[in-house]
């Protein structure tokens, strides 16, 4: 899968319990004041403990100024689509374009039947949902009497209108293949929940959506990918969204960049103020920053983003031997300089890939992919040089914050309120996300394209883990330096070790991968 380039949005998923609506309203106002974009309520009209969702959304919309509201997701069997279309359009007009429409095919059929609704098989419920989307869009489209003849719903000359103030997105809650194909054919968005569709399942589900979109003549990018998520800010970080803020930031940024997920909606219970604030004030900005950085790096060679600073190769650099002259891409050699006495791996036992074939064919796209890898690495090298410079200035007692801020403003990893700690943490996160993308996206494609690369790819992944541990050491030394200025000695040593390991790794990766990237069919 890939990043579809959608603007990131963040929101909350609130329970509509009748005895706690005041709490839900308060949390909705907090979300609005905290800069979130979305507020949603589940919709179970047969549940006697819940308030009516549309009534509640109207009150929430009236009490807020910026957030968009939507049912997450509307229970279609108990909400006739013709009335639902007018309800959504009406509230969108009243709020000035702050309504979206989440739709579900239905569940809990005994409860639906008890309310006078239909009992449908799984297939019938999907057919009915497809018909409902046509009915809703027909009533949102100017024209004369709308007509539609379906098995479950009909329009017999109904007058379209009122018309929404903006293009309301129809987002479907879907999990199984037939529903996912319906998303690809007809929907504006996909809205699964992490307890039912964990992250490791998203790739296969997205593939079904994308294939259905292509078959229907649509671009996969036409479909926004949203995700209802739950988690905890305590934990080791080994599980999905179970850990401190940096864990959330890295995991959600990864989903944005590898699965195209651009909307994250946090399930919040009554009294969840702290989680909501942390999500809005720390997680959301962190995810946006990481995704922006990777998008800027990824487009640096296409002219669509600001040009990143490229580190010049060392003056004593040795040429990379063994690569064909017609490759057209020049890896950055390792000049052999080491700053630390500590060695975390044995470079002499690094495996090498297959020797280039004399009749290998290199494509322009493949060469561009290899050059992009080098350009991203050059950016990391340049930023590492700045990290080293700033740490040295701190060690020398010569760091001028004003001058540092001026320099930071030219970098992709800039902070609104800059500190040395914030900058170093940003750099560490950027390296981690870059390596995660390689492990999960680039390396599997190379492995499938040429099985002989397996030892090299395994070694590169092992080195990623080693570098991650070094980054943790940098973080720990940084924290120690904040409370004890003498910690700058340990911080400097950690940065030296990071320099040795990272620069050596980047050169090794380029030496081994730019040639196969140029000849194998890789999706960049």
Protein backbone atom coordinates (compact mmCIF):
# COMPACT_ATOMS: atom_id res chain seq x y z
CA UNK A 1 0.00 0.00 0.00
CA UNK A 2 1.05 3.62 -0.05
CA UNK A 3 0.44 7.12 1.20
CA UNK A 4 -2.44 8.68 -0.74
CA UNK A 5 -1.38 12.19 0.24
CA UNK A 6 -4.57 13.19 2.04
CA UNK A 7 -4.45 15.89 4.67
CA UNK A 8 -4.37 14.35 8.13
CA UNK A 9 -7.35 14.78 10.45
CA UNK A 10 -7.93 13.75 14.05
CA UNK A 11 -11.10 13.34 16.05
CA UNK A 12 -12.98 11.60 18.85
CA UNK A 13 -15.62 8.90 19.08
CA UNK A 14 -17.98 9.60 22.01
CA UNK A 15 -20.65 7.33 23.55
CA UNK A 16 -24.25 8.72 23.40
CA UNK A 17 -25.33 7.36 26.81
CA UNK A 18 -28.54 9.10 27.90
CA UNK A 19 -27.41 9.54 31.50
CA UNK A 20 -24.03 11.03 30.48
CA UNK A 21 -24.79 13.32 27.57
CA UNK A 22 -23.54 16.32 29.53
CA UNK A 23 -20.17 14.60 29.72
CA UNK A 24 -20.18 13.79 26.00
CA UNK A 25 -21.05 17.41 25.21
CA UNK A 26 -18.24 18.67 27.43
CA UNK A 27 -15.73 16.37 25.74
CA UNK A 28 -16.96 17.50 22.32
CA UNK A 29 -16.34 21.12 23.33
CA UNK A 30 -12.89 20.17 24.59
CA UNK A 31 -12.13 18.47 21.28
CA UNK A 32 -13.23 21.61 19.44
CA UNK A 33 -11.11 23.88 21.65
CA UNK A 34 -8.11 21.53 21.34
CA UNK A 35 -7.99 21.78 17.56
CA UNK A 36 -9.39 18.39 16.59
CA UNK A 37 -11.36 18.19 13.35
CA UNK A 38 -13.93 15.45 13.97
CA UNK A 39 -16.50 14.48 16.62
CA UNK A 40 -18.59 11.35 16.18
CA UNK A 41 -21.22 9.27 17.98
CA UNK A 42 -22.14 5.63 17.54
CA UNK A 43 -25.66 4.94 16.34
CA UNK A 44 -27.76 2.17 17.89
CA UNK A 45 -31.40 3.36 17.71
CA UNK A 46 -32.66 0.16 19.37
CA UNK A 47 -30.52 0.73 22.47
CA UNK A 48 -32.76 2.19 25.19
CA UNK A 49 -29.78 3.55 27.13
CA UNK A 50 -28.63 5.77 24.25
CA UNK A 51 -29.94 9.11 23.09
CA UNK A 52 -30.87 9.48 19.43
CA UNK A 53 -27.68 10.07 17.52
CA UNK A 54 -28.90 12.71 15.06
CA UNK A 55 -30.51 14.75 17.81
CA UNK A 56 -27.31 14.54 19.85
CA UNK A 57 -25.13 15.50 16.88
CA UNK A 58 -27.29 18.56 16.27
CA UNK A 59 -26.80 19.72 19.87
CA UNK A 60 -23.05 19.06 19.69
CA UNK A 61 -22.78 20.96 16.41
CA UNK A 62 -24.63 23.92 17.93
CA UNK A 63 -22.28 23.92 20.94
CA UNK A 64 -19.06 23.85 18.88
CA UNK A 65 -17.51 26.06 16.22
CA UNK A 66 -15.01 24.13 14.15
CA UNK A 67 -15.33 20.36 14.40
CA UNK A 68 -17.25 18.34 11.83
CA UNK A 69 -19.75 15.87 13.25
CA UNK A 70 -20.88 12.49 11.95
CA UNK A 71 -22.56 9.23 12.99
CA UNK A 72 -20.00 6.49 13.49
CA UNK A 73 -21.80 4.78 11.79
CA UNK A 74 -25.50 5.36 11.04
CA UNK A 75 -27.68 2.25 11.34
CA UNK A 76 -29.14 2.15 7.85
CA UNK A 77 -31.93 -0.42 8.42
CA UNK A 78 -33.60 1.93 10.93
CA UNK A 79 -32.88 5.16 9.05
CA UNK A 80 -34.53 5.37 5.59
CA UNK A 81 -31.91 6.78 3.21
CA UNK A 82 -34.23 9.43 1.74
CA UNK A 83 -34.85 10.87 5.22
CA UNK A 84 -31.20 10.39 6.17
CA UNK A 85 -30.14 12.39 3.12
CA UNK A 86 -32.34 15.32 4.11
CA UNK A 87 -31.27 15.11 7.77
CA UNK A 88 -27.56 15.20 6.91
CA UNK A 89 -27.99 17.98 4.33
CA UNK A 90 -30.08 20.05 6.73
CA UNK A 91 -27.54 19.86 9.52
CA UNK A 92 -24.73 20.57 7.05
CA UNK A 93 -26.49 23.75 5.94
CA UNK A 94 -27.22 24.84 9.51
CA UNK A 95 -23.59 24.31 10.57
CA UNK A 96 -22.01 25.82 7.48
CA UNK A 97 -20.60 22.56 6.13
CA UNK A 98 -19.65 20.65 9.28
CA UNK A 99 -21.30 17.27 8.69
CA UNK A 100 -20.08 13.96 7.27
CA UNK A 101 -22.03 10.72 6.94
CA UNK A 102 -20.78 7.42 8.30
CA UNK A 103 -22.93 4.50 7.13
CA UNK A 104 -23.19 0.86 8.16
CA UNK A 105 -25.10 -2.04 6.65
CA UNK A 106 -26.61 -2.98 10.00
CA UNK A 107 -26.11 -5.53 12.76
CA UNK A 108 -27.99 -6.89 15.79
CA UNK A 109 -30.91 -7.92 13.64
CA UNK A 110 -33.16 -9.11 16.46
CA UNK A 111 -33.01 -5.64 17.99
CA UNK A 112 -33.62 -4.03 14.59
CA UNK A 113 -36.66 -6.23 13.97
CA UNK A 114 -37.97 -5.41 17.44
CA UNK A 115 -37.97 -1.74 16.38
CA UNK A 116 -39.96 -2.51 13.24
CA UNK A 117 -36.98 -2.70 10.93
CA UNK A 118 -36.25 -5.39 8.33
CA UNK A 119 -34.29 -8.56 8.90
CA UNK A 120 -31.68 -8.89 6.16
CA UNK A 121 -29.09 -11.47 5.29
CA UNK A 122 -25.50 -10.34 4.96
CA UNK A 123 -25.84 -10.16 1.19
CA UNK A 124 -29.15 -8.29 1.36
CA UNK A 125 -27.74 -5.75 3.80
CA UNK A 126 -24.85 -4.94 1.43
CA UNK A 127 -27.22 -4.64 -1.55
CA UNK A 128 -29.44 -2.34 0.50
CA UNK A 129 -26.45 -0.19 1.47
CA UNK A 130 -25.41 0.14 -2.17
CA UNK A 131 -28.95 1.22 -3.07
CA UNK A 132 -29.06 3.66 -0.16
CA UNK A 133 -25.92 5.43 -1.37
CA UNK A 134 -27.56 5.96 -4.76
CA UNK A 135 -30.72 7.30 -3.12
CA UNK A 136 -28.78 9.70 -0.89
CA UNK A 137 -26.66 11.06 -3.70
CA UNK A 138 -29.69 11.44 -5.96
CA UNK A 139 -31.34 13.66 -3.34
CA UNK A 140 -28.18 15.72 -3.00
CA UNK A 141 -27.98 16.35 -6.77
CA UNK A 142 -29.92 19.27 -8.28
CA UNK A 143 -32.46 18.33 -10.89
CA UNK A 144 -36.09 17.45 -11.39
CA UNK A 145 -37.82 14.58 -9.66
CA UNK A 146 -35.37 11.87 -8.64
CA UNK A 147 -36.25 8.34 -9.65
CA UNK A 148 -34.65 5.12 -8.50
CA UNK A 149 -35.95 1.58 -8.53
CA UNK A 150 -34.19 -0.89 -6.26
CA UNK A 151 -35.07 -4.03 -4.42
CA UNK A 152 -34.91 -2.34 -1.03
CA UNK A 153 -35.36 1.38 -1.75
CA UNK A 154 -37.10 3.46 -4.40
CA UNK A 155 -37.53 7.07 -5.40
CA UNK A 156 -40.60 7.92 -7.42
CA UNK A 157 -40.00 11.47 -8.54
CA UNK A 158 -38.89 12.86 -5.17
CA UNK A 159 -37.67 16.46 -5.39
CA UNK A 160 -33.94 16.69 -4.59
CA UNK A 161 -32.84 18.98 -1.81
CA UNK A 162 -31.98 20.62 0.41
CA UNK A 163 -28.45 20.50 -0.92
CA UNK A 164 -25.50 20.23 1.50
CA UNK A 165 -23.30 23.24 2.10
CA UNK A 166 -20.26 21.14 1.14
CA UNK A 167 -19.64 17.75 -0.45
CA UNK A 168 -20.57 15.48 2.44
CA UNK A 169 -18.35 12.43 2.57
CA UNK A 170 -20.03 9.04 2.72
CA UNK A 171 -17.75 6.87 4.85
CA UNK A 172 -18.53 3.18 5.20
CA UNK A 173 -17.79 0.95 8.16
CA UNK A 174 -16.64 -2.23 6.38
CA UNK A 175 -14.59 -5.34 7.14
CA UNK A 176 -15.40 -8.27 4.87
CA UNK A 177 -14.44 -8.53 1.20
CA UNK A 178 -17.82 -7.76 -0.34
CA UNK A 179 -18.30 -4.67 1.81
CA UNK A 180 -14.72 -3.58 1.09
CA UNK A 181 -15.39 -3.86 -2.63
CA UNK A 182 -18.45 -1.65 -2.16
CA UNK A 183 -16.17 0.93 -0.51
CA UNK A 184 -13.87 0.83 -3.50
CA UNK A 185 -16.70 1.19 -6.02
CA UNK A 186 -18.85 3.84 -4.38
CA UNK A 187 -17.71 5.37 -1.10
CA UNK A 188 -15.81 8.55 -0.27
CA UNK A 189 -14.14 6.95 2.73
CA UNK A 190 -13.48 3.78 4.67
CA UNK A 191 -14.04 3.80 8.44
CA UNK A 192 -12.98 0.60 10.26
CA UNK A 193 -12.24 0.28 13.98
CA UNK A 194 -8.93 -1.05 15.30
CA UNK A 195 -10.49 -3.62 17.68
CA UNK A 196 -12.12 -5.31 14.66
CA UNK A 197 -9.48 -4.51 12.02
CA UNK A 198 -6.06 -4.42 13.71
CA UNK A 199 -3.18 -2.74 11.88
CA UNK A 200 -1.71 -5.96 10.54
CA UNK A 201 -4.92 -6.61 8.60
CA UNK A 202 -5.14 -3.21 6.91
CA UNK A 203 -2.83 -3.98 4.00
CA UNK A 204 -4.95 -6.85 2.70
CA UNK A 205 -8.18 -4.93 3.29
CA UNK A 206 -6.82 -1.85 1.54
CA UNK A 207 -5.77 -3.99 -1.40
CA UNK A 208 -9.35 -5.18 -1.88
CA UNK A 209 -10.61 -1.60 -1.79
CA UNK A 210 -7.97 -0.41 -4.26
CA UNK A 211 -8.61 -3.23 -6.70
CA UNK A 212 -12.35 -2.55 -6.62
CA UNK A 213 -11.75 1.16 -7.13
CA UNK A 214 -9.53 0.51 -10.15
CA UNK A 215 -12.09 -1.89 -11.62
CA UNK A 216 -14.73 0.83 -11.27
CA UNK A 217 -12.54 3.39 -13.03
CA UNK A 218 -11.68 5.23 -9.82
CA UNK A 219 -8.34 6.13 -8.32
CA UNK A 220 -7.62 4.54 -4.92
CA UNK A 221 -6.71 8.05 -3.79
CA UNK A 222 -10.37 9.03 -4.23
CA UNK A 223 -11.12 7.13 -1.02
CA UNK A 224 -10.13 8.60 2.33
CA UNK A 225 -8.95 6.00 4.87
CA UNK A 226 -10.06 6.72 8.43
CA UNK A 227 -9.50 4.62 11.54
CA UNK A 228 -11.34 4.44 14.84
CA UNK A 229 -8.64 3.72 17.40
CA UNK A 230 -8.39 2.87 21.08
CA UNK A 231 -5.32 2.71 23.26
CA UNK A 232 -3.56 3.66 26.44
CA UNK A 233 -0.70 6.01 27.20
CA UNK A 234 0.76 3.44 29.59
CA UNK A 235 2.55 0.30 28.50
CA UNK A 236 5.82 -0.80 26.97
CA UNK A 237 4.99 0.17 23.38
CA UNK A 238 5.16 -3.41 22.12
CA UNK A 239 1.41 -3.47 21.43
CA UNK A 240 -0.53 -1.14 19.18
CA UNK A 241 -1.10 2.23 20.91
CA UNK A 242 -0.05 0.91 24.30
CA UNK A 243 2.73 3.22 25.40
CA UNK A 244 3.84 6.85 25.75
CA UNK A 245 3.17 9.58 23.21
CA UNK A 246 6.22 8.82 20.99
CA UNK A 247 4.89 5.29 20.52
CA UNK A 248 1.54 6.65 19.34
CA UNK A 249 3.23 9.16 17.05
CA UNK A 250 5.45 6.60 15.36
CA UNK A 251 2.72 3.98 14.98
CA UNK A 252 0.12 6.37 13.57
CA UNK A 253 2.63 8.07 11.26
CA UNK A 254 3.58 4.64 9.96
CA UNK A 255 -0.08 3.88 9.17
CA UNK A 256 -0.39 7.20 7.36
CA UNK A 257 2.70 6.57 5.26
CA UNK A 258 2.28 2.86 4.54
CA UNK A 259 -1.49 2.31 4.62
CA UNK A 260 -2.75 5.71 3.49
CA UNK A 261 -4.66 6.26 6.73
CA UNK A 262 -5.38 9.98 7.01
CA UNK A 263 -8.07 10.19 9.69
CA UNK A 264 -7.62 8.94 13.25
CA UNK A 265 -10.65 8.96 15.56
CA UNK A 266 -9.95 8.20 19.22
CA UNK A 267 -12.55 6.30 21.23
CA UNK A 268 -12.97 8.30 24.44
CA UNK A 269 -15.00 7.35 27.50
CA UNK A 270 -16.56 9.67 30.04
CA UNK A 271 -13.83 11.39 32.03
CA UNK A 272 -11.30 10.93 29.25
CA UNK A 273 -10.09 14.54 29.37
CA UNK A 274 -6.42 13.72 29.83
CA UNK A 275 -6.35 11.22 26.97
CA UNK A 276 -8.21 13.62 24.68
CA UNK A 277 -5.86 16.51 25.47
CA UNK A 278 -2.77 14.37 25.01
CA UNK A 279 -4.10 13.05 21.73
CA UNK A 280 -4.93 16.55 20.46
CA UNK A 281 -1.97 18.47 21.81
CA UNK A 282 0.86 15.95 21.54
CA UNK A 283 -0.03 13.01 19.32
CA UNK A 284 -1.73 14.85 16.46
CA UNK A 285 1.04 17.47 15.99
CA UNK A 286 3.71 14.78 16.25
CA UNK A 287 2.09 12.61 13.60
CA UNK A 288 1.62 15.58 11.27
CA UNK A 289 5.26 16.53 11.69
CA UNK A 290 6.60 13.06 10.92
CA UNK A 291 4.33 12.58 7.94
CA UNK A 292 5.18 16.01 6.55
CA UNK A 293 8.88 15.25 6.91
CA UNK A 294 8.64 11.95 5.06
CA UNK A 295 6.42 13.42 2.36
CA UNK A 296 8.86 16.28 1.85
CA UNK A 297 11.77 13.88 1.66
CA UNK A 298 9.89 11.58 -0.69
CA UNK A 299 9.14 14.37 -3.15
CA UNK A 300 12.44 16.19 -2.93
CA UNK A 301 13.61 14.78 -6.26
CA UNK A 302 10.39 15.58 -8.13
CA UNK A 303 10.40 19.33 -7.64
CA UNK A 304 7.09 19.28 -5.74
CA UNK A 305 8.60 20.14 -2.38
CA UNK A 306 11.32 22.39 -1.10
CA UNK A 307 14.77 21.11 -1.95
CA UNK A 308 16.46 19.50 1.03
CA UNK A 309 20.03 20.15 1.99
CA UNK A 310 22.40 17.54 0.61
CA UNK A 311 25.53 16.62 2.51
CA UNK A 312 28.64 16.62 0.38
CA UNK A 313 30.51 13.30 0.26
CA UNK A 314 33.66 13.14 2.38
CA UNK A 315 36.73 14.55 0.65
CA UNK A 316 38.61 11.29 1.18
CA UNK A 317 35.74 9.12 -0.08
CA UNK A 318 36.65 5.97 -1.93
CA UNK A 319 34.69 5.02 -5.07
CA UNK A 320 32.22 2.18 -4.73
CA UNK A 321 33.67 -0.71 -6.69
CA UNK A 322 31.77 -3.39 -8.55
CA UNK A 323 28.82 -1.35 -9.82
CA UNK A 324 28.23 -1.13 -13.59
CA UNK A 325 28.98 2.13 -15.38
CA UNK A 326 25.54 2.22 -16.98
CA UNK A 327 23.78 2.11 -13.61
CA UNK A 328 23.57 5.89 -13.64
CA UNK A 329 23.29 6.17 -9.83
CA UNK A 330 26.27 6.79 -7.55
CA UNK A 331 26.07 5.48 -3.96
CA UNK A 332 27.76 7.48 -1.23
CA UNK A 333 30.94 5.64 -0.16
CA UNK A 334 32.03 5.14 3.43
CA UNK A 335 35.25 7.08 4.07
CA UNK A 336 36.13 4.83 7.02
CA UNK A 337 36.24 7.63 9.62
CA UNK A 338 35.06 6.57 13.10
CA UNK A 339 34.58 8.90 16.06
CA UNK A 340 33.82 6.43 18.84
CA UNK A 341 35.95 3.62 20.24
CA UNK A 342 32.81 1.51 20.67
CA UNK A 343 31.90 -0.96 17.92
CA UNK A 344 28.38 -2.40 17.79
CA UNK A 345 28.86 -4.69 14.77
CA UNK A 346 31.52 -6.31 12.66
CA UNK A 347 31.52 -4.65 9.24
CA UNK A 348 33.86 -7.30 7.81
CA UNK A 349 31.13 -9.96 7.92
CA UNK A 350 28.46 -7.95 6.18
CA UNK A 351 26.96 -10.04 3.37
CA UNK A 352 26.97 -8.75 -0.19
CA UNK A 353 24.35 -9.13 -2.88
CA UNK A 354 24.70 -10.87 -6.24
CA UNK A 355 27.19 -9.44 -8.72
CA UNK A 356 25.49 -7.30 -11.39
CA UNK A 357 24.76 -9.15 -14.59
CA UNK A 358 26.40 -7.87 -17.77
CA UNK A 359 23.02 -7.84 -19.54
CA UNK A 360 21.03 -6.25 -16.71
CA UNK A 361 18.46 -3.69 -17.83
CA UNK A 362 18.03 -0.57 -15.69
CA UNK A 363 14.85 1.46 -16.01
CA UNK A 364 14.49 5.20 -15.58
CA UNK A 365 11.96 4.58 -12.80
CA UNK A 366 14.32 2.17 -11.08
CA UNK A 367 17.23 4.61 -11.28
CA UNK A 368 14.99 7.35 -9.88
CA UNK A 369 14.07 5.11 -6.95
CA UNK A 370 17.70 4.44 -6.15
CA UNK A 371 18.54 8.13 -6.41
CA UNK A 372 15.62 8.95 -4.13
CA UNK A 373 17.00 6.57 -1.50
CA UNK A 374 20.36 8.35 -1.72
CA UNK A 375 18.71 11.78 -1.51
CA UNK A 376 16.79 10.76 1.61
CA UNK A 377 20.00 9.43 3.12
CA UNK A 378 21.81 12.65 2.22
CA UNK A 379 19.15 14.59 4.05
CA UNK A 380 19.65 12.41 7.13
CA UNK A 381 23.39 12.95 6.85
CA UNK A 382 22.99 16.71 6.64
CA UNK A 383 20.60 16.82 9.57
CA UNK A 384 22.96 14.62 11.60
CA UNK A 385 25.72 17.14 10.96
CA UNK A 386 23.50 19.85 12.39
CA UNK A 387 22.68 17.74 15.43
CA UNK A 388 26.40 17.30 16.03
CA UNK A 389 27.01 21.02 15.60
CA UNK A 390 24.30 21.99 18.06
CA UNK A 391 25.49 19.47 20.67
CA UNK A 392 29.03 20.78 20.30
CA UNK A 393 27.83 24.35 20.81
CA UNK A 394 26.08 23.28 23.98
CA UNK A 395 29.25 21.50 25.14
CA UNK A 396 31.31 24.62 24.43
CA UNK A 397 28.80 26.88 26.15
CA UNK A 398 28.43 28.82 22.91
CA UNK A 399 24.91 27.97 21.78
CA UNK A 400 22.91 31.07 20.94
CA UNK A 401 19.22 30.13 20.94
CA UNK A 402 18.26 32.91 18.55
CA UNK A 403 20.84 31.83 15.99
CA UNK A 404 19.87 28.20 16.47
CA UNK A 405 16.24 29.02 15.82
CA UNK A 406 17.16 30.82 12.60
CA UNK A 407 19.01 27.73 11.44
CA UNK A 408 16.23 25.36 12.49
CA UNK A 409 13.70 27.32 10.44
CA UNK A 410 15.50 26.22 7.28
CA UNK A 411 15.15 22.57 8.19
CA UNK A 412 12.32 20.14 7.60
CA UNK A 413 12.34 19.21 11.28
CA UNK A 414 11.51 22.64 12.63
CA UNK A 415 9.66 23.13 15.92
CA UNK A 416 7.21 25.88 16.87
CA UNK A 417 8.91 26.18 20.26
CA UNK A 418 12.43 25.04 19.60
CA UNK A 419 14.67 23.39 22.15
CA UNK A 420 17.70 21.18 21.65
CA UNK A 421 15.71 18.31 23.14
CA UNK A 422 12.76 18.74 20.81
CA UNK A 423 15.06 18.86 17.80
CA UNK A 424 17.02 15.76 18.79
CA UNK A 425 13.80 13.87 19.48
CA UNK A 426 12.49 14.88 16.05
CA UNK A 427 15.63 13.59 14.37
CA UNK A 428 15.44 10.29 16.22
CA UNK A 429 11.80 9.82 15.21
CA UNK A 430 12.61 10.62 11.57
CA UNK A 431 15.35 7.99 11.42
CA UNK A 432 13.08 5.42 13.08
CA UNK A 433 10.19 6.03 10.68
CA UNK A 434 12.52 5.88 7.67
CA UNK A 435 13.87 2.51 8.76
CA UNK A 436 10.38 1.20 9.51
CA UNK A 437 9.25 2.10 6.01
CA UNK A 438 12.22 0.28 4.53
CA UNK A 439 11.62 -2.84 6.62
CA UNK A 440 7.91 -3.03 5.82
CA UNK A 441 7.66 -1.63 2.32
CA UNK A 442 10.92 -1.60 0.33
CA UNK A 443 12.68 -4.72 1.61
CA UNK A 444 9.78 -7.17 1.04
CA UNK A 445 9.56 -6.03 -2.59
CA UNK A 446 13.29 -6.50 -3.12
CA UNK A 447 13.14 -9.91 -1.44
CA UNK A 448 10.36 -11.01 -3.79
CA UNK A 449 12.18 -9.60 -6.80
CA UNK A 450 15.53 -11.31 -6.12
CA UNK A 451 15.74 -13.98 -3.41
CA UNK A 452 19.55 -13.73 -3.48
CA UNK A 453 19.27 -10.41 -1.63
CA UNK A 454 17.85 -12.09 1.49
CA UNK A 455 21.11 -12.14 3.52
CA UNK A 456 21.74 -8.45 2.79
CA UNK A 457 18.18 -7.45 3.69
CA UNK A 458 18.30 -9.49 6.90
CA UNK A 459 21.53 -7.79 7.88
CA UNK A 460 20.15 -4.32 7.11
CA UNK A 461 17.11 -5.01 9.27
CA UNK A 462 19.37 -6.18 12.11
CA UNK A 463 21.33 -2.94 11.82
CA UNK A 464 18.10 -0.96 12.00
CA UNK A 465 17.48 -2.49 15.42
CA UNK A 466 21.00 -1.64 16.55
CA UNK A 467 20.60 1.96 15.39
CA UNK A 468 17.26 2.15 17.19
CA UNK A 469 19.04 1.22 20.43
CA UNK A 470 21.64 3.93 19.79
CA UNK A 471 18.86 6.46 19.29
CA UNK A 472 17.45 5.40 22.65
CA UNK A 473 20.86 6.09 24.19
CA UNK A 474 20.87 9.55 22.65
CA UNK A 475 17.41 10.21 24.11
CA UNK A 476 18.47 8.99 27.56
CA UNK A 477 21.63 11.11 27.51
CA UNK A 478 19.60 14.10 26.43
CA UNK A 479 17.20 13.72 29.34
CA UNK A 480 20.12 13.41 31.74
CA UNK A 481 21.72 16.57 30.35
CA UNK A 482 18.58 18.60 31.01
CA UNK A 483 18.81 17.92 34.75
CA UNK A 484 22.60 17.76 34.97
CA UNK A 485 24.74 19.83 32.55
CA UNK A 486 27.64 17.40 33.02
CA UNK A 487 25.55 14.90 31.07
CA UNK A 488 26.71 16.66 27.91
CA UNK A 489 29.78 14.39 27.96
CA UNK A 490 27.62 11.26 27.68
CA UNK A 491 25.37 12.97 25.13
CA UNK A 492 28.37 13.84 22.95
CA UNK A 493 29.62 10.26 23.16
CA UNK A 494 26.18 8.91 22.22
CA UNK A 495 25.99 11.24 19.22
CA UNK A 496 29.47 10.11 18.13
CA UNK A 497 28.32 6.50 18.25
CA UNK A 498 25.15 7.39 16.34
CA UNK A 499 27.27 9.08 13.69
CA UNK A 500 29.50 6.03 13.25
CA UNK A 501 26.68 3.51 13.06
CA UNK A 502 24.27 5.53 10.96
CA UNK A 503 26.75 6.76 8.33
CA UNK A 504 28.26 3.30 7.97
CA UNK A 505 24.80 1.74 7.62
CA UNK A 506 23.56 4.26 5.05
CA UNK A 507 26.59 3.71 2.83
CA UNK A 508 26.31 -0.08 3.09
CA UNK A 509 22.61 0.06 2.22
CA UNK A 510 23.21 2.23 -0.84
CA UNK A 511 26.09 0.06 -2.02
CA UNK A 512 23.93 -3.06 -1.90
CA UNK A 513 20.51 -1.79 -2.93
CA UNK A 514 20.70 0.91 -5.60
CA UNK A 515 21.62 -1.64 -8.28
CA UNK A 516 18.73 -4.07 -7.59
CA UNK A 517 16.35 -1.12 -7.13
CA UNK A 518 17.25 0.01 -10.65
CA UNK A 519 16.54 -3.37 -12.27
CA UNK A 520 13.65 -4.80 -10.23
CA UNK A 521 9.99 -3.69 -10.45
CA UNK A 522 9.70 -1.72 -7.21
CA UNK A 523 6.64 0.32 -6.24
CA UNK A 524 8.07 3.56 -4.87
